[in-house]
Amino acid sequence: MFATCVVRVFCLRRRSLGKEDNLNKEEKAKAITDLRERFSGAKTVIFTDYKGMTVAELSDLRKLLRSGGIEYRIVKNTLARIASQDTPVATAKDAFKGPIAVAIGYEDPVSAAKKVIEFSKKNEKLKLLGGVIEGRFFGKQEVRAVADLPPREVLLSMMAGAFQAPASKLAAALAATVSSFAYAMNSLKTKKERSQ
């Protein structure tokens, strides 16, 4: 009885880590459908090599990513390659090689890259391999460059400031022209009144 429970717990843990080797056809089809839904709704999918990481380290990584609304899954390459068809992740079908885990971000396209890189600085076992950000595949150096971008809110405020600056300069120039025209007219009126 005890040995059966241990075996069941071990099998459940293996499945929770994404090892789909022992799945039957129905379970594989369900795993593919689940992954396809996640890939379709994702703004960002970051590919990592988790080889050598302990279960505790993976739990810490998942906890960090979950705090940013990001999912972390270890996937079987063949199933992930099939699931990526007809999704934005299809551009990276060649990236599914070796031990792969994916960080899936559904909201901010940059936050998943930032969080993965933040963790990889603390734990060198986690290796960044690349990613798909809004339907475009990026290599690991490009993902690092994207992660260095300021947050979305900061970029939007910078853009609003850039749009506002020319408009305020134009308004100031028009106001100066109108006020100098009014000053000139007032001066002309005063001069005419004196000459009469």
C-alpha atoms as a PDB file:
ATOM      1  CA  MET A   1       0.000   0.000   0.000  1.00  0.00           C
ATOM      2  CA  PHE A   2       2.742   2.468   1.002  1.00  0.00           C
ATOM      3  CA  ALA A   3       4.791   1.622  -2.128  1.00  0.00           C
ATOM      4  CA  THR A   4       1.751   2.246  -4.344  1.00  0.00           C
ATOM      5  CA  CYS A   5       1.196   5.683  -2.748  1.00  0.00           C
ATOM      6  CA  VAL A   6       4.852   6.584  -3.235  1.00  0.00           C
ATOM      7  CA  VAL A   7       4.703   5.517  -6.887  1.00  0.00           C
ATOM      8  CA  ARG A   8       1.502   7.547  -7.453  1.00  0.00           C
ATOM      9  CA  VAL A   9       3.001  10.636  -5.801  1.00  0.00           C
ATOM     10  CA  PHE A  10       6.156  10.246  -7.906  1.00  0.00           C
ATOM     11  CA  CYS A  11       4.095   9.903 -11.102  1.00  0.00           C
ATOM     12  CA  LEU A  12       1.993  12.931 -10.193  1.00  0.00           C
ATOM     13  CA  ARG A  13       5.135  14.967  -9.546  1.00  0.00           C
ATOM     14  CA  ARG A  14       6.631  13.906 -12.866  1.00  0.00           C
ATOM     15  CA  ARG A  15       3.489  15.008 -14.661  1.00  0.00           C
ATOM     16  CA  SER A  16       3.363  18.304 -12.793  1.00  0.00           C
ATOM     17  CA  LEU A  17       6.850  19.039 -14.096  1.00  0.00           C
ATOM     18  CA  GLY A  18       5.650  18.601 -17.665  1.00  0.00           C
ATOM     19  CA  LYS A  19       7.099  15.165 -18.408  1.00  0.00           C
ATOM     20  CA  GLU A  20       4.516  13.842 -20.830  1.00  0.00           C
ATOM     21  CA  ASP A  21       6.461  10.683 -21.761  1.00  0.00           C
ATOM     22  CA  ASN A  22       4.044   8.339 -20.066  1.00  0.00           C
ATOM     23  CA  LEU A  23       0.852   9.927 -21.342  1.00  0.00           C
ATOM     24  CA  ASN A  24      -1.607   8.060 -23.517  1.00  0.00           C
ATOM     25  CA  LYS A  25      -3.041   9.578 -26.730  1.00  0.00           C
ATOM     26  CA  GLU A  26      -5.959  11.276 -24.971  1.00  0.00           C
ATOM     27  CA  GLU A  27      -3.711  12.870 -22.378  1.00  0.00           C
ATOM     28  CA  LYS A  28      -1.268  14.026 -25.063  1.00  0.00           C
ATOM     29  CA  ALA A  29      -4.104  15.561 -27.077  1.00  0.00           C
ATOM     30  CA  LYS A  30      -5.324  17.352 -23.948  1.00  0.00           C
ATOM     31  CA  ALA A  31      -1.782  18.595 -23.180  1.00  0.00           C
ATOM     32  CA  ILE A  32      -1.432  19.889 -26.762  1.00  0.00           C
ATOM     33  CA  THR A  33      -4.803  21.658 -26.607  1.00  0.00           C
ATOM     34  CA  ASP A  34      -3.921  23.209 -23.242  1.00  0.00           C
ATOM     35  CA  LEU A  35      -0.538  24.430 -24.507  1.00  0.00           C
ATOM     36  CA  ARG A  36      -2.060  25.750 -27.743  1.00  0.00           C
ATOM     37  CA  GLU A  37      -4.561  27.819 -25.730  1.00  0.00           C
ATOM     38  CA  ARG A  38      -1.774  29.212 -23.579  1.00  0.00           C
ATOM     39  CA  PHE A  39       0.433  29.990 -26.592  1.00  0.00           C
ATOM     40  CA  SER A  40      -2.479  31.658 -28.409  1.00  0.00           C
ATOM     41  CA  GLY A  41      -3.247  33.964 -25.475  1.00  0.00           C
ATOM     42  CA  ALA A  42       0.364  34.762 -24.643  1.00  0.00           C
ATOM     43  CA  LYS A  43       2.039  38.082 -25.384  1.00  0.00           C
ATOM     44  CA  THR A  44       5.407  36.629 -24.398  1.00  0.00           C
ATOM     45  CA  VAL A  45       6.894  33.139 -24.276  1.00  0.00           C
ATOM     46  CA  ILE A  46      10.463  32.991 -22.941  1.00  0.00           C
ATOM     47  CA  PHE A  47      12.459  29.770 -23.507  1.00  0.00           C
ATOM     48  CA  THR A  48      14.791  28.604 -20.759  1.00  0.00           C
ATOM     49  CA  ASP A  49      17.088  25.688 -20.022  1.00  0.00           C
ATOM     50  CA  TYR A  50      16.428  24.574 -16.451  1.00  0.00           C
ATOM     51  CA  LYS A  51      18.960  21.694 -16.423  1.00  0.00           C
ATOM     52  CA  GLY A  52      20.612  21.248 -13.022  1.00  0.00           C
ATOM     53  CA  MET A  53      18.025  23.207 -11.048  1.00  0.00           C
ATOM     54  CA  THR A  54      16.554  21.629  -7.939  1.00  0.00           C
ATOM     55  CA  VAL A  55      12.841  21.371  -7.220  1.00  0.00           C
ATOM     56  CA  ALA A  56      13.223  24.101  -4.572  1.00  0.00           C
ATOM     57  CA  GLU A  57      14.907  26.418  -7.102  1.00  0.00           C
ATOM     58  CA  LEU A  58      12.159  25.760  -9.641  1.00  0.00           C
ATOM     59  CA  SER A  59       9.564  26.525  -6.956  1.00  0.00           C
ATOM     60  CA  ASP A  60      11.314  29.821  -6.164  1.00  0.00           C
ATOM     61  CA  LEU A  61      11.349  30.691  -9.872  1.00  0.00           C
ATOM     62  CA  ARG A  62       7.659  29.854 -10.248  1.00  0.00           C
ATOM     63  CA  LYS A  63       6.818  31.935  -7.181  1.00  0.00           C
ATOM     64  CA  LEU A  64       8.724  34.947  -8.584  1.00  0.00           C
ATOM     65  CA  LEU A  65       7.065  34.613 -11.985  1.00  0.00           C
ATOM     66  CA  ARG A  66       3.602  34.025 -10.524  1.00  0.00           C
ATOM     67  CA  SER A  67       3.897  37.336  -8.633  1.00  0.00           C
ATOM     68  CA  GLY A  68       4.076  39.014 -12.053  1.00  0.00           C
ATOM     69  CA  GLY A  69       1.181  37.030 -13.548  1.00  0.00           C
ATOM     70  CA  ILE A  70       3.567  34.763 -15.485  1.00  0.00           C
ATOM     71  CA  GLU A  71       3.306  30.990 -15.782  1.00  0.00           C
ATOM     72  CA  TYR A  72       6.336  28.674 -15.881  1.00  0.00           C
ATOM     73  CA  ARG A  73       5.983  25.229 -17.439  1.00  0.00           C
ATOM     74  CA  ILE A  74       8.385  22.482 -18.356  1.00  0.00           C
ATOM     75  CA  VAL A  75       7.286  21.138 -21.723  1.00  0.00           C
ATOM     76  CA  LYS A  76       7.959  18.162 -23.919  1.00  0.00           C
ATOM     77  CA  ASN A  77       9.446  19.463 -27.153  1.00  0.00           C
ATOM     78  CA  THR A  78       7.391  17.382 -29.577  1.00  0.00           C
ATOM     79  CA  LEU A  79       4.104  18.299 -27.912  1.00  0.00           C
ATOM     80  CA  ALA A  80       5.093  21.980 -27.640  1.00  0.00           C
ATOM     81  CA  ARG A  81       6.132  22.049 -31.304  1.00  0.00           C
ATOM     82  CA  ILE A  82       2.738  20.623 -32.304  1.00  0.00           C
ATOM     83  CA  ALA A  83       0.894  22.990 -29.935  1.00  0.00           C
ATOM     84  CA  SER A  84       2.740  26.016 -31.334  1.00  0.00           C
ATOM     85  CA  GLN A  85       1.305  25.495 -34.839  1.00  0.00           C
ATOM     86  CA  ASP A  86      -1.110  28.279 -35.841  1.00  0.00           C
ATOM     87  CA  THR A  87      -0.117  30.405 -32.820  1.00  0.00           C
ATOM     88  CA  PRO A  88       2.321  33.321 -32.491  1.00  0.00           C
ATOM     89  CA  VAL A  89       4.836  30.849 -31.014  1.00  0.00           C
ATOM     90  CA  ALA A  90       5.058  29.005 -34.365  1.00  0.00           C
ATOM     91  CA  THR A  91       7.948  31.350 -35.290  1.00  0.00           C
ATOM     92  CA  ALA A  92      10.060  29.558 -32.683  1.00  0.00           C
ATOM     93  CA  LYS A  93       9.325  25.932 -33.499  1.00  0.00           C
ATOM     94  CA  ASP A  94      13.066  25.278 -33.971  1.00  0.00           C
ATOM     95  CA  ALA A  95      13.752  26.472 -30.414  1.00  0.00           C
ATOM     96  CA  PHE A  96      12.157  23.370 -28.908  1.00  0.00           C
ATOM     97  CA  LYS A  97      15.365  21.368 -28.424  1.00  0.00           C
ATOM     98  CA  GLY A  98      16.866  19.893 -25.294  1.00  0.00           C
ATOM     99  CA  PRO A  99      15.374  20.401 -21.840  1.00  0.00           C
ATOM    100  CA  ILE A 100      13.002  23.342 -22.313  1.00  0.00           C
ATOM    101  CA  ALA A 101      10.771  25.260 -19.956  1.00  0.00           C
ATOM    102  CA  VAL A 102       8.699  28.255 -20.970  1.00  0.00           C
ATOM    103  CA  ALA A 103       7.702  31.377 -19.078  1.00  0.00           C
ATOM    104  CA  ILE A 104       4.354  32.516 -20.470  1.00  0.00           C
ATOM    105  CA  GLY A 105       3.274  36.123 -19.972  1.00  0.00           C
ATOM    106  CA  TYR A 106      -0.245  37.217 -20.841  1.00  0.00           C
ATOM    107  CA  GLU A 107      -0.172  40.944 -20.074  1.00  0.00           C
ATOM    108  CA  ASP A 108       2.989  43.041 -20.269  1.00  0.00           C
ATOM    109  CA  PRO A 109       5.229  41.714 -23.058  1.00  0.00           C
ATOM    110  CA  VAL A 110       8.426  42.818 -21.296  1.00  0.00           C
ATOM    111  CA  SER A 111       7.787  41.640 -17.718  1.00  0.00           C
ATOM    112  CA  ALA A 112       8.330  37.923 -18.417  1.00  0.00           C
ATOM    113  CA  ALA A 113      11.762  38.621 -19.898  1.00  0.00           C
ATOM    114  CA  LYS A 114      12.648  40.923 -16.987  1.00  0.00           C
ATOM    115  CA  LYS A 115      11.627  38.370 -14.349  1.00  0.00           C
ATOM    116  CA  VAL A 116      13.452  35.447 -16.007  1.00  0.00           C
ATOM    117  CA  ILE A 117      16.634  37.506 -16.352  1.00  0.00           C
ATOM    118  CA  GLU A 118      16.274  38.749 -12.761  1.00  0.00           C
ATOM    119  CA  PHE A 119      16.163  35.135 -11.529  1.00  0.00           C
ATOM    120  CA  SER A 120      18.988  33.978 -13.815  1.00  0.00           C
ATOM    121  CA  LYS A 121      21.273  36.628 -12.270  1.00  0.00           C
ATOM    122  CA  LYS A 122      20.695  35.008  -8.854  1.00  0.00           C
ATOM    123  CA  ASN A 123      20.839  31.423 -10.138  1.00  0.00           C
ATOM    124  CA  GLU A 124      23.206  30.735 -13.027  1.00  0.00           C
ATOM    125  CA  LYS A 125      21.713  27.275 -13.631  1.00  0.00           C
ATOM    126  CA  LEU A 126      18.757  28.915 -15.370  1.00  0.00           C
ATOM    127  CA  LYS A 127      19.803  29.708 -18.938  1.00  0.00           C
ATOM    128  CA  LEU A 128      17.913  32.067 -21.218  1.00  0.00           C
ATOM    129  CA  LEU A 129      17.555  30.600 -24.729  1.00  0.00           C
ATOM    130  CA  GLY A 130      15.347  33.152 -26.474  1.00  0.00           C
ATOM    131  CA  GLY A 131      11.703  34.003 -26.719  1.00  0.00           C
ATOM    132  CA  VAL A 132       8.693  35.061 -28.701  1.00  0.00           C
ATOM    133  CA  ILE A 133       7.505  38.549 -27.887  1.00  0.00           C
ATOM    134  CA  GLU A 134       4.249  39.603 -29.537  1.00  0.00           C
ATOM    135  CA  GLY A 135       4.624  37.069 -32.350  1.00  0.00           C
ATOM    136  CA  ARG A 136       8.274  37.724 -33.194  1.00  0.00           C
ATOM    137  CA  PHE A 137      11.149  35.404 -32.280  1.00  0.00           C
ATOM    138  CA  PHE A 138      14.086  36.965 -30.439  1.00  0.00           C
ATOM    139  CA  GLY A 139      17.464  35.402 -29.622  1.00  0.00           C
ATOM    140  CA  LYS A 140      18.796  35.559 -26.079  1.00  0.00           C
ATOM    141  CA  GLN A 141      20.719  38.831 -26.636  1.00  0.00           C
ATOM    142  CA  GLU A 142      17.643  40.473 -28.140  1.00  0.00           C
ATOM    143  CA  VAL A 143      15.489  39.286 -25.220  1.00  0.00           C
ATOM    144  CA  ARG A 144      18.034  40.860 -22.844  1.00  0.00           C
ATOM    145  CA  ALA A 145      17.806  44.129 -24.810  1.00  0.00           C
ATOM    146  CA  VAL A 146      13.997  44.048 -24.614  1.00  0.00           C
ATOM    147  CA  ALA A 147      14.191  43.360 -20.858  1.00  0.00           C
ATOM    148  CA  ASP A 148      16.307  46.509 -20.435  1.00  0.00           C
ATOM    149  CA  LEU A 149      13.451  48.653 -21.778  1.00  0.00           C
ATOM    150  CA  PRO A 150      11.601  50.738 -19.194  1.00  0.00           C
ATOM    151  CA  PRO A 151       8.149  49.555 -18.102  1.00  0.00           C
ATOM    152  CA  ARG A 152       5.190  50.178 -20.397  1.00  0.00           C
ATOM    153  CA  GLU A 153       3.794  53.026 -18.278  1.00  0.00           C
ATOM    154  CA  VAL A 154       7.125  54.887 -18.412  1.00  0.00           C
ATOM    155  CA  LEU A 155       7.350  54.440 -22.187  1.00  0.00           C
ATOM    156  CA  LEU A 156       3.791  55.747 -22.603  1.00  0.00           C
ATOM    157  CA  SER A 157       4.514  58.805 -20.462  1.00  0.00           C
ATOM    158  CA  MET A 158       7.719  59.460 -22.434  1.00  0.00           C
ATOM    159  CA  MET A 159       5.757  59.239 -25.665  1.00  0.00           C
ATOM    160  CA  ALA A 160       3.021  61.548 -24.329  1.00  0.00           C
ATOM    161  CA  GLY A 161       5.704  64.036 -23.304  1.00  0.00           C
ATOM    162  CA  ALA A 162       7.256  63.866 -26.764  1.00  0.00           C
ATOM    163  CA  PHE A 163       3.867  64.577 -28.350  1.00  0.00           C
ATOM    164  CA  GLN A 164       3.091  67.339 -25.882  1.00  0.00           C
ATOM    165  CA  ALA A 165       6.405  69.231 -26.269  1.00  0.00           C
ATOM    166  CA  PRO A 166       5.920  70.343 -29.909  1.00  0.00           C
ATOM    167  CA  ALA A 167       2.297  71.296 -29.233  1.00  0.00           C
ATOM    168  CA  SER A 168       3.243  73.433 -26.218  1.00  0.00           C
ATOM    169  CA  LYS A 169       6.079  75.076 -28.191  1.00  0.00           C
ATOM    170  CA  LEU A 170       3.667  75.850 -31.028  1.00  0.00           C
ATOM    171  CA  ALA A 171       1.129  77.283 -28.590  1.00  0.00           C
ATOM    172  CA  ALA A 172       3.834  79.441 -26.977  1.00  0.00           C
ATOM    173  CA  ALA A 173       5.008  80.679 -30.385  1.00  0.00           C
ATOM    174  CA  LEU A 174       1.451  81.530 -31.431  1.00  0.00           C
ATOM    175  CA  ALA A 175       0.813  83.282 -28.124  1.00  0.00           C
ATOM    176  CA  ALA A 176       4.048  85.261 -28.532  1.00  0.00           C
ATOM    177  CA  THR A 177       3.096  86.230 -32.090  1.00  0.00           C
ATOM    178  CA  VAL A 178      -0.401  87.293 -31.029  1.00  0.00           C
ATOM    179  CA  SER A 179       0.898  89.246 -28.025  1.00  0.00           C
ATOM    180  CA  SER A 180       3.612  90.960 -30.066  1.00  0.00           C
ATOM    181  CA  PHE A 181       1.020  91.783 -32.755  1.00  0.00           C
ATOM    182  CA  ALA A 182      -1.281  93.204 -30.076  1.00  0.00           C
ATOM    183  CA  TYR A 183       1.647  95.158 -28.619  1.00  0.00           C
ATOM    184  CA  ALA A 184       2.517  96.540 -32.066  1.00  0.00           C
ATOM    185  CA  MET A 185      -1.109  97.546 -32.717  1.00  0.00           C
ATOM    186  CA  ASN A 186      -1.373  99.197 -29.313  1.00  0.00           C
ATOM    187  CA  SER A 187       1.894 101.041 -29.947  1.00  0.00           C
ATOM    188  CA  LEU A 188       0.652 102.229 -33.375  1.00  0.00           C
ATOM    189  CA  LYS A 189      -2.605 103.419 -31.815  1.00  0.00           C
ATOM    190  CA  THR A 190      -0.719 105.366 -29.127  1.00  0.00           C
ATOM    191  CA  LYS A 191       1.561 106.919 -31.737  1.00  0.00           C
ATOM    192  CA  LYS A 192      -1.436 108.040 -33.853  1.00  0.00           C
ATOM    193  CA  GLU A 193      -3.152 109.526 -30.811  1.00  0.00           C
ATOM    194  CA  ARG A 194      -0.030 111.556 -29.959  1.00  0.00           C
ATOM    195  CA  SER A 195       0.354 112.854 -33.474  1.00  0.00           C
ATOM    196  CA  GLN A 196      -3.190 114.194 -33.602  1.00  0.00           C
END
